[in-house]
Amino acid sequence: MPELQIIGAPQSNYVWVSRVACHEKGVPYTLVPVMPHTPEVDAIHPLGKIPALRHGDLMLAESRAICF
């Protein structure tokens, strides 16, 4: 099974919210520390915003979508 990755800067409040949601739900994840507007983030979010989530072929952006 592919590994769940949260992509974003560790100091971002929105990345932190996504990480806390994973922790509370017992979902293991790996943090990929990157800043906004990098090529890796731009490939997932058209505006280059963080956080982003990658799980195999599934990619989500925005902390609200990730938490729900």
C-alpha atoms as a PDB file:
ATOM      1  CA  MET A   1       0.000   0.000   0.000  1.00  0.00           C
ATOM      2  CA  PRO A   2       1.392   3.432  -0.848  1.00  0.00           C
ATOM      3  CA  GLU A   3       2.542   5.703   1.926  1.00  0.00           C
ATOM      4  CA  LEU A   4       0.458   8.770   2.805  1.00  0.00           C
ATOM      5  CA  GLN A   5       2.483  11.972   2.476  1.00  0.00           C
ATOM      6  CA  ILE A   6       1.664  15.428   3.758  1.00  0.00           C
ATOM      7  CA  ILE A   7       3.580  17.950   1.705  1.00  0.00           C
ATOM      8  CA  GLY A   8       4.329  21.392   3.126  1.00  0.00           C
ATOM      9  CA  ALA A   9       6.397  23.507   5.474  1.00  0.00           C
ATOM     10  CA  PRO A  10       6.395  22.136   9.052  1.00  0.00           C
ATOM     11  CA  GLN A  11       5.926  25.624  10.530  1.00  0.00           C
ATOM     12  CA  SER A  12       2.708  26.275   8.556  1.00  0.00           C
ATOM     13  CA  ASN A  13      -0.449  26.339  10.681  1.00  0.00           C
ATOM     14  CA  TYR A  14      -2.392  24.622   7.897  1.00  0.00           C
ATOM     15  CA  VAL A  15       0.157  21.828   7.579  1.00  0.00           C
ATOM     16  CA  TRP A  16       0.054  21.448  11.351  1.00  0.00           C
ATOM     17  CA  VAL A  17      -3.768  21.074  11.282  1.00  0.00           C
ATOM     18  CA  SER A  18      -3.478  18.312   8.668  1.00  0.00           C
ATOM     19  CA  ARG A  19      -0.844  16.521  10.726  1.00  0.00           C
ATOM     20  CA  VAL A  20      -2.955  16.724  13.899  1.00  0.00           C
ATOM     21  CA  ALA A  21      -5.979  15.329  12.012  1.00  0.00           C
ATOM     22  CA  CYS A  22      -3.911  12.349  10.840  1.00  0.00           C
ATOM     23  CA  HIS A  23      -2.595  11.811  14.356  1.00  0.00           C
ATOM     24  CA  GLU A  24      -6.090  11.949  15.900  1.00  0.00           C
ATOM     25  CA  LYS A  25      -7.434   9.489  13.316  1.00  0.00           C
ATOM     26  CA  GLY A  26      -4.476   7.149  13.783  1.00  0.00           C
ATOM     27  CA  VAL A  27      -3.363   7.500  10.169  1.00  0.00           C
ATOM     28  CA  PRO A  28       0.394   7.077   9.669  1.00  0.00           C
ATOM     29  CA  TYR A  29       1.961   9.648   7.361  1.00  0.00           C
ATOM     30  CA  THR A  30       5.275  11.054   6.283  1.00  0.00           C
ATOM     31  CA  LEU A  31       5.903  14.791   6.231  1.00  0.00           C
ATOM     32  CA  VAL A  32       7.625  16.028   3.077  1.00  0.00           C
ATOM     33  CA  PRO A  33       8.997  19.443   4.121  1.00  0.00           C
ATOM     34  CA  VAL A  34       8.783  21.841   1.172  1.00  0.00           C
ATOM     35  CA  MET A  35       7.919  25.508   0.896  1.00  0.00           C
ATOM     36  CA  PRO A  36       4.935  26.844  -1.093  1.00  0.00           C
ATOM     37  CA  HIS A  37       5.331  27.514  -4.828  1.00  0.00           C
ATOM     38  CA  THR A  38       7.978  24.839  -5.337  1.00  0.00           C
ATOM     39  CA  PRO A  39       7.666  22.555  -8.373  1.00  0.00           C
ATOM     40  CA  GLU A  40       6.506  19.649  -6.185  1.00  0.00           C
ATOM     41  CA  VAL A  41       3.657  21.703  -4.696  1.00  0.00           C
ATOM     42  CA  ASP A  42       2.787  23.374  -8.010  1.00  0.00           C
ATOM     43  CA  ALA A  43       2.275  19.915  -9.541  1.00  0.00           C
ATOM     44  CA  ILE A  44      -0.538  19.244  -7.034  1.00  0.00           C
ATOM     45  CA  HIS A  45      -2.058  22.667  -6.312  1.00  0.00           C
ATOM     46  CA  PRO A  46      -2.481  25.092  -9.212  1.00  0.00           C
ATOM     47  CA  LEU A  47      -1.868  28.094  -6.928  1.00  0.00           C
ATOM     48  CA  GLY A  48       1.143  26.516  -5.202  1.00  0.00           C
ATOM     49  CA  LYS A  49      -0.448  26.500  -1.750  1.00  0.00           C
ATOM     50  CA  ILE A  50       0.313  24.086   1.078  1.00  0.00           C
ATOM     51  CA  PRO A  51      -0.539  21.614   2.505  1.00  0.00           C
ATOM     52  CA  ALA A  52      -0.958  18.970  -0.133  1.00  0.00           C
ATOM     53  CA  LEU A  53      -1.554  15.277   0.367  1.00  0.00           C
ATOM     54  CA  ARG A  54      -0.351  12.414  -1.804  1.00  0.00           C
ATOM     55  CA  HIS A  55      -1.407   8.787  -1.360  1.00  0.00           C
ATOM     56  CA  GLY A  56      -0.506   6.753  -4.416  1.00  0.00           C
ATOM     57  CA  ASP A  57      -2.445   8.243  -7.343  1.00  0.00           C
ATOM     58  CA  LEU A  58      -4.684  10.349  -5.068  1.00  0.00           C
ATOM     59  CA  MET A  59      -3.623  13.966  -4.574  1.00  0.00           C
ATOM     60  CA  LEU A  60      -5.483  16.562  -2.509  1.00  0.00           C
ATOM     61  CA  ALA A  61      -4.774  20.178  -1.700  1.00  0.00           C
ATOM     62  CA  GLU A  62      -6.131  22.498   1.001  1.00  0.00           C
ATOM     63  CA  SER A  63      -6.214  21.504   4.667  1.00  0.00           C
ATOM     64  CA  ARG A  64     -10.010  21.394   4.742  1.00  0.00           C
ATOM     65  CA  ALA A  65     -10.166  18.710   2.031  1.00  0.00           C
ATOM     66  CA  ILE A  66      -7.345  16.755   3.675  1.00  0.00           C
ATOM     67  CA  CYS A  67      -9.024  16.767   7.098  1.00  0.00           C
ATOM     68  CA  PHE A  68     -12.424  15.721   5.764  1.00  0.00           C
END
